[in-house]
Amino acid sequence: MRNFLRNNLLTVSFTLAGAIAGFLYWKFIGCLSGTCFIKSVWYMSTLYGMAAGYVAGSLLTDLVRSFRKEKKA
């Protein structure tokens, strides 16, 4: 578990940050009428934030790893 977290620290941290951002988006901006699919309930907004954070963290992790490989070569 420790190796997994060490290898995927950016992905995990961006996923958590996305979840927090999604929840805060629902809390402060959200949809008052309840007709918005993503913004009307807290868990949908949080899940979409997690997905966006995961994608950003995964891309950034791959980018960092590719720079490290170029630097070693």
PDB file of N, CA and C in Angstrom:
ATOM      1  N   MET A   1       0.819  -1.188   0.000  1.00  0.00           N
ATOM      2  CA  MET A   1       0.000   0.000   0.000  1.00  0.00           C
ATOM      3  C   MET A   1       0.869   1.260   0.000  1.00  0.00           C
ATOM      4  N   ARG A   2       1.962   1.212   0.736  1.00  0.00           N
ATOM      5  CA  ARG A   2       2.842   2.366   0.805  1.00  0.00           C
ATOM      6  C   ARG A   2       3.483   2.648  -0.549  1.00  0.00           C
ATOM      7  N   ASN A   3       3.876   1.583  -1.266  1.00  0.00           N
ATOM      8  CA  ASN A   3       4.453   1.778  -2.605  1.00  0.00           C
ATOM      9  C   ASN A   3       3.428   2.339  -3.573  1.00  0.00           C
ATOM     10  N   PHE A   4       2.185   1.883  -3.457  1.00  0.00           N
ATOM     11  CA  PHE A   4       1.126   2.393  -4.329  1.00  0.00           C
ATOM     12  C   PHE A   4       0.943   3.895  -4.116  1.00  0.00           C
ATOM     13  N   LEU A   5       0.874   4.314  -2.865  1.00  0.00           N
ATOM     14  CA  LEU A   5       0.696   5.740  -2.582  1.00  0.00           C
ATOM     15  C   LEU A   5       1.902   6.555  -3.019  1.00  0.00           C
ATOM     16  N   ARG A   6       3.084   5.993  -2.844  1.00  0.00           N
ATOM     17  CA  ARG A   6       4.289   6.709  -3.257  1.00  0.00           C
ATOM     18  C   ARG A   6       4.332   6.872  -4.776  1.00  0.00           C
ATOM     19  N   ASN A   7       3.936   5.840  -5.503  1.00  0.00           N
ATOM     20  CA  ASN A   7       3.977   5.890  -6.968  1.00  0.00           C
ATOM     21  C   ASN A   7       2.848   6.723  -7.564  1.00  0.00           C
ATOM     22  N   ASN A   8       1.740   6.838  -6.860  1.00  0.00           N
ATOM     23  CA  ASN A   8       0.575   7.533  -7.394  1.00  0.00           C
ATOM     24  C   ASN A   8       0.139   8.699  -6.519  1.00  0.00           C
ATOM     25  N   LEU A   9       1.079   9.381  -5.926  1.00  0.00           N
ATOM     26  CA  LEU A   9       0.754  10.469  -5.002  1.00  0.00           C
ATOM     27  C   LEU A   9       0.003  11.604  -5.691  1.00  0.00           C
ATOM     28  N   LEU A  10       0.430  11.997  -6.873  1.00  0.00           N
ATOM     29  CA  LEU A  10      -0.251  13.085  -7.587  1.00  0.00           C
ATOM     30  C   LEU A  10      -1.674  12.695  -7.971  1.00  0.00           C
ATOM     31  N   THR A  11      -1.851  11.481  -8.436  1.00  0.00           N
ATOM     32  CA  THR A  11      -3.183  11.039  -8.841  1.00  0.00           C
ATOM     33  C   THR A  11      -4.129  11.000  -7.648  1.00  0.00           C
ATOM     34  N   VAL A  12      -3.671  10.451  -6.554  1.00  0.00           N
ATOM     35  CA  VAL A  12      -4.516  10.367  -5.357  1.00  0.00           C
ATOM     36  C   VAL A  12      -4.830  11.757  -4.814  1.00  0.00           C
ATOM     37  N   SER A  13      -3.835  12.624  -4.754  1.00  0.00           N
ATOM     38  CA  SER A  13      -4.075  13.960  -4.211  1.00  0.00           C
ATOM     39  C   SER A  13      -4.997  14.782  -5.121  1.00  0.00           C
ATOM     40  N   PHE A  14      -4.839  14.659  -6.435  1.00  0.00           N
ATOM     41  CA  PHE A  14      -5.732  15.378  -7.348  1.00  0.00           C
ATOM     42  C   PHE A  14      -7.151  14.815  -7.286  1.00  0.00           C
ATOM     43  N   THR A  15      -7.284  13.510  -7.082  1.00  0.00           N
ATOM     44  CA  THR A  15      -8.609  12.912  -6.956  1.00  0.00           C
ATOM     45  C   THR A  15      -9.311  13.426  -5.705  1.00  0.00           C
ATOM     46  N   LEU A  16      -8.595  13.479  -4.595  1.00  0.00           N
ATOM     47  CA  LEU A  16      -9.182  14.020  -3.366  1.00  0.00           C
ATOM     48  C   LEU A  16      -9.513  15.505  -3.501  1.00  0.00           C
ATOM     49  N   ALA A  17      -8.626  16.250  -4.137  1.00  0.00           N
ATOM     50  CA  ALA A  17      -8.889  17.676  -4.349  1.00  0.00           C
ATOM     51  C   ALA A  17     -10.098  17.880  -5.255  1.00  0.00           C
ATOM     52  N   GLY A  18     -10.243  17.026  -6.263  1.00  0.00           N
ATOM     53  CA  GLY A  18     -11.409  17.118  -7.144  1.00  0.00           C
ATOM     54  C   GLY A  18     -12.698  16.798  -6.413  1.00  0.00           C
ATOM     55  N   ALA A  19     -12.652  15.825  -5.508  1.00  0.00           N
ATOM     56  CA  ALA A  19     -13.840  15.492  -4.724  1.00  0.00           C
ATOM     57  C   ALA A  19     -14.238  16.658  -3.834  1.00  0.00           C
ATOM     58  N   ILE A  20     -13.265  17.274  -3.202  1.00  0.00           N
ATOM     59  CA  ILE A  20     -13.550  18.429  -2.348  1.00  0.00           C
ATOM     60  C   ILE A  20     -14.083  19.589  -3.177  1.00  0.00           C
ATOM     61  N   ALA A  21     -13.477  19.825  -4.336  1.00  0.00           N
ATOM     62  CA  ALA A  21     -13.934  20.915  -5.206  1.00  0.00           C
ATOM     63  C   ALA A  21     -15.349  20.648  -5.718  1.00  0.00           C
ATOM     64  N   GLY A  22     -15.647  19.394  -6.069  1.00  0.00           N
ATOM     65  CA  GLY A  22     -16.998  19.063  -6.519  1.00  0.00           C
ATOM     66  C   GLY A  22     -18.030  19.270  -5.435  1.00  0.00           C
ATOM     67  N   PHE A  23     -17.695  18.881  -4.218  1.00  0.00           N
ATOM     68  CA  PHE A  23     -18.621  19.089  -3.106  1.00  0.00           C
ATOM     69  C   PHE A  23     -18.833  20.568  -2.831  1.00  0.00           C
ATOM     70  N   LEU A  24     -17.744  21.331  -2.836  1.00  0.00           N
ATOM     71  CA  LEU A  24     -17.872  22.769  -2.594  1.00  0.00           C
ATOM     72  C   LEU A  24     -18.640  23.459  -3.711  1.00  0.00           C
ATOM     73  N   TYR A  25     -18.487  22.960  -4.933  1.00  0.00           N
ATOM     74  CA  TYR A  25     -19.264  23.520  -6.041  1.00  0.00           C
ATOM     75  C   TYR A  25     -20.754  23.297  -5.802  1.00  0.00           C
ATOM     76  N   TRP A  26     -21.110  22.103  -5.352  1.00  0.00           N
ATOM     77  CA  TRP A  26     -22.518  21.817  -5.058  1.00  0.00           C
ATOM     78  C   TRP A  26     -23.006  22.683  -3.909  1.00  0.00           C
ATOM     79  N   LYS A  27     -22.167  22.827  -2.884  1.00  0.00           N
ATOM     80  CA  LYS A  27     -22.569  23.552  -1.677  1.00  0.00           C
ATOM     81  C   LYS A  27     -22.814  25.030  -1.946  1.00  0.00           C
ATOM     82  N   PHE A  28     -21.935  25.666  -2.716  1.00  0.00           N
ATOM     83  CA  PHE A  28     -22.028  27.113  -2.872  1.00  0.00           C
ATOM     84  C   PHE A  28     -22.652  27.569  -4.181  1.00  0.00           C
ATOM     85  N   ILE A  29     -22.571  26.760  -5.242  1.00  0.00           N
ATOM     86  CA  ILE A  29     -23.098  27.175  -6.539  1.00  0.00           C
ATOM     87  C   ILE A  29     -24.323  26.369  -6.913  1.00  0.00           C
ATOM     88  N   GLY A  30     -24.268  25.047  -6.748  1.00  0.00           N
ATOM     89  CA  GLY A  30     -25.341  24.095  -7.005  1.00  0.00           C
ATOM     90  C   GLY A  30     -26.600  24.587  -7.706  1.00  0.00           C
ATOM     91  N   CYS A  31     -27.534  23.724  -7.872  1.00  0.00           N
ATOM     92  CA  CYS A  31     -28.785  24.007  -8.573  1.00  0.00           C
ATOM     93  C   CYS A  31     -29.919  24.101  -7.555  1.00  0.00           C
ATOM     94  N   LEU A  32     -30.560  25.226  -7.462  1.00  0.00           N
ATOM     95  CA  LEU A  32     -31.609  25.420  -6.465  1.00  0.00           C
ATOM     96  C   LEU A  32     -32.913  24.718  -6.825  1.00  0.00           C
ATOM     97  N   SER A  33     -33.201  24.580  -8.111  1.00  0.00           N
ATOM     98  CA  SER A  33     -34.475  23.999  -8.502  1.00  0.00           C
ATOM     99  C   SER A  33     -34.490  22.481  -8.420  1.00  0.00           C
ATOM    100  N   GLY A  34     -33.329  21.850  -8.432  1.00  0.00           N
ATOM    101  CA  GLY A  34     -33.262  20.395  -8.362  1.00  0.00           C
ATOM    102  C   GLY A  34     -33.398  19.707  -9.706  1.00  0.00           C
ATOM    103  N   THR A  35     -33.455  20.468 -10.799  1.00  0.00           N
ATOM    104  CA  THR A  35     -33.607  19.871 -12.117  1.00  0.00           C
ATOM    105  C   THR A  35     -32.276  19.592 -12.806  1.00  0.00           C
ATOM    106  N   CYS A  36     -31.195  20.107 -12.264  1.00  0.00           N
ATOM    107  CA  CYS A  36     -29.875  19.874 -12.846  1.00  0.00           C
ATOM    108  C   CYS A  36     -29.364  18.515 -12.373  1.00  0.00           C
ATOM    109  N   PHE A  37     -29.004  17.647 -13.301  1.00  0.00           N
ATOM    110  CA  PHE A  37     -28.633  16.285 -12.940  1.00  0.00           C
ATOM    111  C   PHE A  37     -27.372  16.243 -12.107  1.00  0.00           C
ATOM    112  N   ILE A  38     -26.339  16.946 -12.539  1.00  0.00           N
ATOM    113  CA  ILE A  38     -25.051  16.866 -11.853  1.00  0.00           C
ATOM    114  C   ILE A  38     -25.056  17.703 -10.574  1.00  0.00           C
ATOM    115  N   LYS A  39     -25.614  18.865 -10.629  1.00  0.00           N
ATOM    116  CA  LYS A  39     -25.484  19.811  -9.528  1.00  0.00           C
ATOM    117  C   LYS A  39     -26.587  19.709  -8.479  1.00  0.00           C
ATOM    118  N   SER A  40     -27.613  18.901  -8.696  1.00  0.00           N
ATOM    119  CA  SER A  40     -28.732  18.901  -7.765  1.00  0.00           C
ATOM    120  C   SER A  40     -28.474  18.075  -6.516  1.00  0.00           C
ATOM    121  N   VAL A  41     -27.630  17.052  -6.585  1.00  0.00           N
ATOM    122  CA  VAL A  41     -27.319  16.239  -5.409  1.00  0.00           C
ATOM    123  C   VAL A  41     -25.814  16.260  -5.173  1.00  0.00           C
ATOM    124  N   TRP A  42     -25.422  16.196  -3.916  1.00  0.00           N
ATOM    125  CA  TRP A  42     -24.009  16.367  -3.560  1.00  0.00           C
ATOM    126  C   TRP A  42     -23.127  15.256  -4.090  1.00  0.00           C
ATOM    127  N   TYR A  43     -23.623  14.032  -4.120  1.00  0.00           N
ATOM    128  CA  TYR A  43     -22.752  12.921  -4.515  1.00  0.00           C
ATOM    129  C   TYR A  43     -22.456  12.910  -6.007  1.00  0.00           C
ATOM    130  N   MET A  44     -23.363  13.385  -6.842  1.00  0.00           N
ATOM    131  CA  MET A  44     -23.067  13.441  -8.280  1.00  0.00           C
ATOM    132  C   MET A  44     -22.008  14.501  -8.566  1.00  0.00           C
ATOM    133  N   SER A  45     -22.134  15.638  -7.937  1.00  0.00           N
ATOM    134  CA  SER A  45     -21.141  16.692  -8.126  1.00  0.00           C
ATOM    135  C   SER A  45     -19.779  16.257  -7.592  1.00  0.00           C
ATOM    136  N   THR A  46     -19.772  15.552  -6.469  1.00  0.00           N
ATOM    137  CA  THR A  46     -18.524  15.056  -5.899  1.00  0.00           C
ATOM    138  C   THR A  46     -17.893  14.003  -6.796  1.00  0.00           C
ATOM    139  N   LEU A  47     -18.692  13.103  -7.343  1.00  0.00           N
ATOM    140  CA  LEU A  47     -18.165  12.073  -8.241  1.00  0.00           C
ATOM    141  C   LEU A  47     -17.587  12.667  -9.524  1.00  0.00           C
ATOM    142  N   TYR A  48     -18.263  13.643 -10.086  1.00  0.00           N
ATOM    143  CA  TYR A  48     -17.730  14.291 -11.278  1.00  0.00           C
ATOM    144  C   TYR A  48     -16.448  15.055 -10.960  1.00  0.00           C
ATOM    145  N   GLY A  49     -16.377  15.662  -9.798  1.00  0.00           N
ATOM    146  CA  GLY A  49     -15.141  16.329  -9.381  1.00  0.00           C
ATOM    147  C   GLY A  49     -14.011  15.334  -9.194  1.00  0.00           C
ATOM    148  N   MET A  50     -14.327  14.167  -8.617  1.00  0.00           N
ATOM    149  CA  MET A  50     -13.314  13.126  -8.456  1.00  0.00           C
ATOM    150  C   MET A  50     -12.809  12.642  -9.809  1.00  0.00           C
ATOM    151  N   ALA A  51     -13.716  12.462 -10.748  1.00  0.00           N
ATOM    152  CA  ALA A  51     -13.322  11.995 -12.081  1.00  0.00           C
ATOM    153  C   ALA A  51     -12.417  13.012 -12.762  1.00  0.00           C
ATOM    154  N   ALA A  52     -12.769  14.272 -12.671  1.00  0.00           N
ATOM    155  CA  ALA A  52     -11.936  15.314 -13.278  1.00  0.00           C
ATOM    156  C   ALA A  52     -10.574  15.390 -12.589  1.00  0.00           C
ATOM    157  N   GLY A  53     -10.551  15.262 -11.281  1.00  0.00           N
ATOM    158  CA  GLY A  53      -9.292  15.270 -10.545  1.00  0.00           C
ATOM    159  C   GLY A  53      -8.429  14.071 -10.879  1.00  0.00           C
ATOM    160  N   TYR A  54      -9.060  12.910 -11.039  1.00  0.00           N
ATOM    161  CA  TYR A  54      -8.312  11.706 -11.398  1.00  0.00           C
ATOM    162  C   TYR A  54      -7.657  11.851 -12.769  1.00  0.00           C
ATOM    163  N   VAL A  55      -8.406  12.361 -13.730  1.00  0.00           N
ATOM    164  CA  VAL A  55      -7.865  12.533 -15.077  1.00  0.00           C
ATOM    165  C   VAL A  55      -6.699  13.521 -15.059  1.00  0.00           C
ATOM    166  N   ALA A  56      -6.874  14.637 -14.367  1.00  0.00           N
ATOM    167  CA  ALA A  56      -5.798  15.634 -14.299  1.00  0.00           C
ATOM    168  C   ALA A  56      -4.576  15.076 -13.580  1.00  0.00           C
ATOM    169  N   GLY A  57      -4.784  14.381 -12.481  1.00  0.00           N
ATOM    170  CA  GLY A  57      -3.662  13.808 -11.743  1.00  0.00           C
ATOM    171  C   GLY A  57      -2.955  12.714 -12.513  1.00  0.00           C
ATOM    172  N   SER A  58      -3.709  11.906 -13.235  1.00  0.00           N
ATOM    173  CA  SER A  58      -3.110  10.842 -14.035  1.00  0.00           C
ATOM    174  C   SER A  58      -2.271  11.415 -15.177  1.00  0.00           C
ATOM    175  N   LEU A  59      -2.793  12.433 -15.830  1.00  0.00           N
ATOM    176  CA  LEU A  59      -2.032  13.075 -16.905  1.00  0.00           C
ATOM    177  C   LEU A  59      -0.766  13.724 -16.370  1.00  0.00           C
ATOM    178  N   LEU A  60      -0.865  14.379 -15.232  1.00  0.00           N
ATOM    179  CA  LEU A  60       0.301  15.022 -14.647  1.00  0.00           C
ATOM    180  C   LEU A  60       1.332  13.991 -14.189  1.00  0.00           C
ATOM    181  N   THR A  61       0.877  12.875 -13.640  1.00  0.00           N
ATOM    182  CA  THR A  61       1.787  11.809 -13.229  1.00  0.00           C
ATOM    183  C   THR A  61       2.530  11.246 -14.431  1.00  0.00           C
ATOM    184  N   ASP A  62       1.823  10.986 -15.526  1.00  0.00           N
ATOM    185  CA  ASP A  62       2.474  10.483 -16.734  1.00  0.00           C
ATOM    186  C   ASP A  62       3.473  11.489 -17.286  1.00  0.00           C
ATOM    187  N   LEU A  63       3.137  12.759 -17.226  1.00  0.00           N
ATOM    188  CA  LEU A  63       4.030  13.800 -17.707  1.00  0.00           C
ATOM    189  C   LEU A  63       5.307  13.861 -16.871  1.00  0.00           C
ATOM    190  N   VAL A  64       5.163  13.780 -15.561  1.00  0.00           N
ATOM    191  CA  VAL A  64       6.327  13.810 -14.677  1.00  0.00           C
ATOM    192  C   VAL A  64       7.198  12.582 -14.911  1.00  0.00           C
ATOM    193  N   ARG A  65       6.588  11.422 -15.060  1.00  0.00           N
ATOM    194  CA  ARG A  65       7.355  10.200 -15.300  1.00  0.00           C
ATOM    195  C   ARG A  65       8.104  10.253 -16.629  1.00  0.00           C
ATOM    196  N   SER A  66       7.497  10.834 -17.649  1.00  0.00           N
ATOM    197  CA  SER A  66       8.178  10.923 -18.945  1.00  0.00           C
ATOM    198  C   SER A  66       9.357  11.894 -18.868  1.00  0.00           C
ATOM    199  N   PHE A  67       9.223  12.980 -18.110  1.00  0.00           N
ATOM    200  CA  PHE A  67      10.355  13.894 -17.929  1.00  0.00           C
ATOM    201  C   PHE A  67      11.483  13.237 -17.172  1.00  0.00           C
ATOM    202  N   ARG A  68      11.145  12.424 -16.194  1.00  0.00           N
ATOM    203  CA  ARG A  68      12.196  11.722 -15.432  1.00  0.00           C
ATOM    204  C   ARG A  68      12.929  10.730 -16.306  1.00  0.00           C
ATOM    205  N   LYS A  69      12.210  10.047 -17.202  1.00  0.00           N
ATOM    206  CA  LYS A  69      12.856   9.101 -18.097  1.00  0.00           C
ATOM    207  C   LYS A  69      13.781   9.816 -19.066  1.00  0.00           C
ATOM    208  N   GLU A  70      13.347  10.977 -19.590  1.00  0.00           N
ATOM    209  CA  GLU A  70      14.186  11.748 -20.508  1.00  0.00           C
ATOM    210  C   GLU A  70      15.436  12.265 -19.806  1.00  0.00           C
ATOM    211  N   LYS A  71      15.296  12.629 -18.554  1.00  0.00           N
ATOM    212  CA  LYS A  71      16.421  13.153 -17.804  1.00  0.00           C
ATOM    213  C   LYS A  71      17.470  12.084 -17.525  1.00  0.00           C
ATOM    214  N   LYS A  72      17.027  10.842 -17.299  1.00  0.00           N
ATOM    215  CA  LYS A  72      17.944   9.745 -17.033  1.00  0.00           C
ATOM    216  C   LYS A  72      18.688   9.327 -18.294  1.00  0.00           C
ATOM    217  N   ALA A  73      18.035   9.417 -19.439  1.00  0.00           N
ATOM    218  CA  ALA A  73      18.631   8.944 -20.682  1.00  0.00           C
ATOM    219  C   ALA A  73      19.693   9.873 -21.222  1.00  0.00           C
TER     220      ALA A  73
END
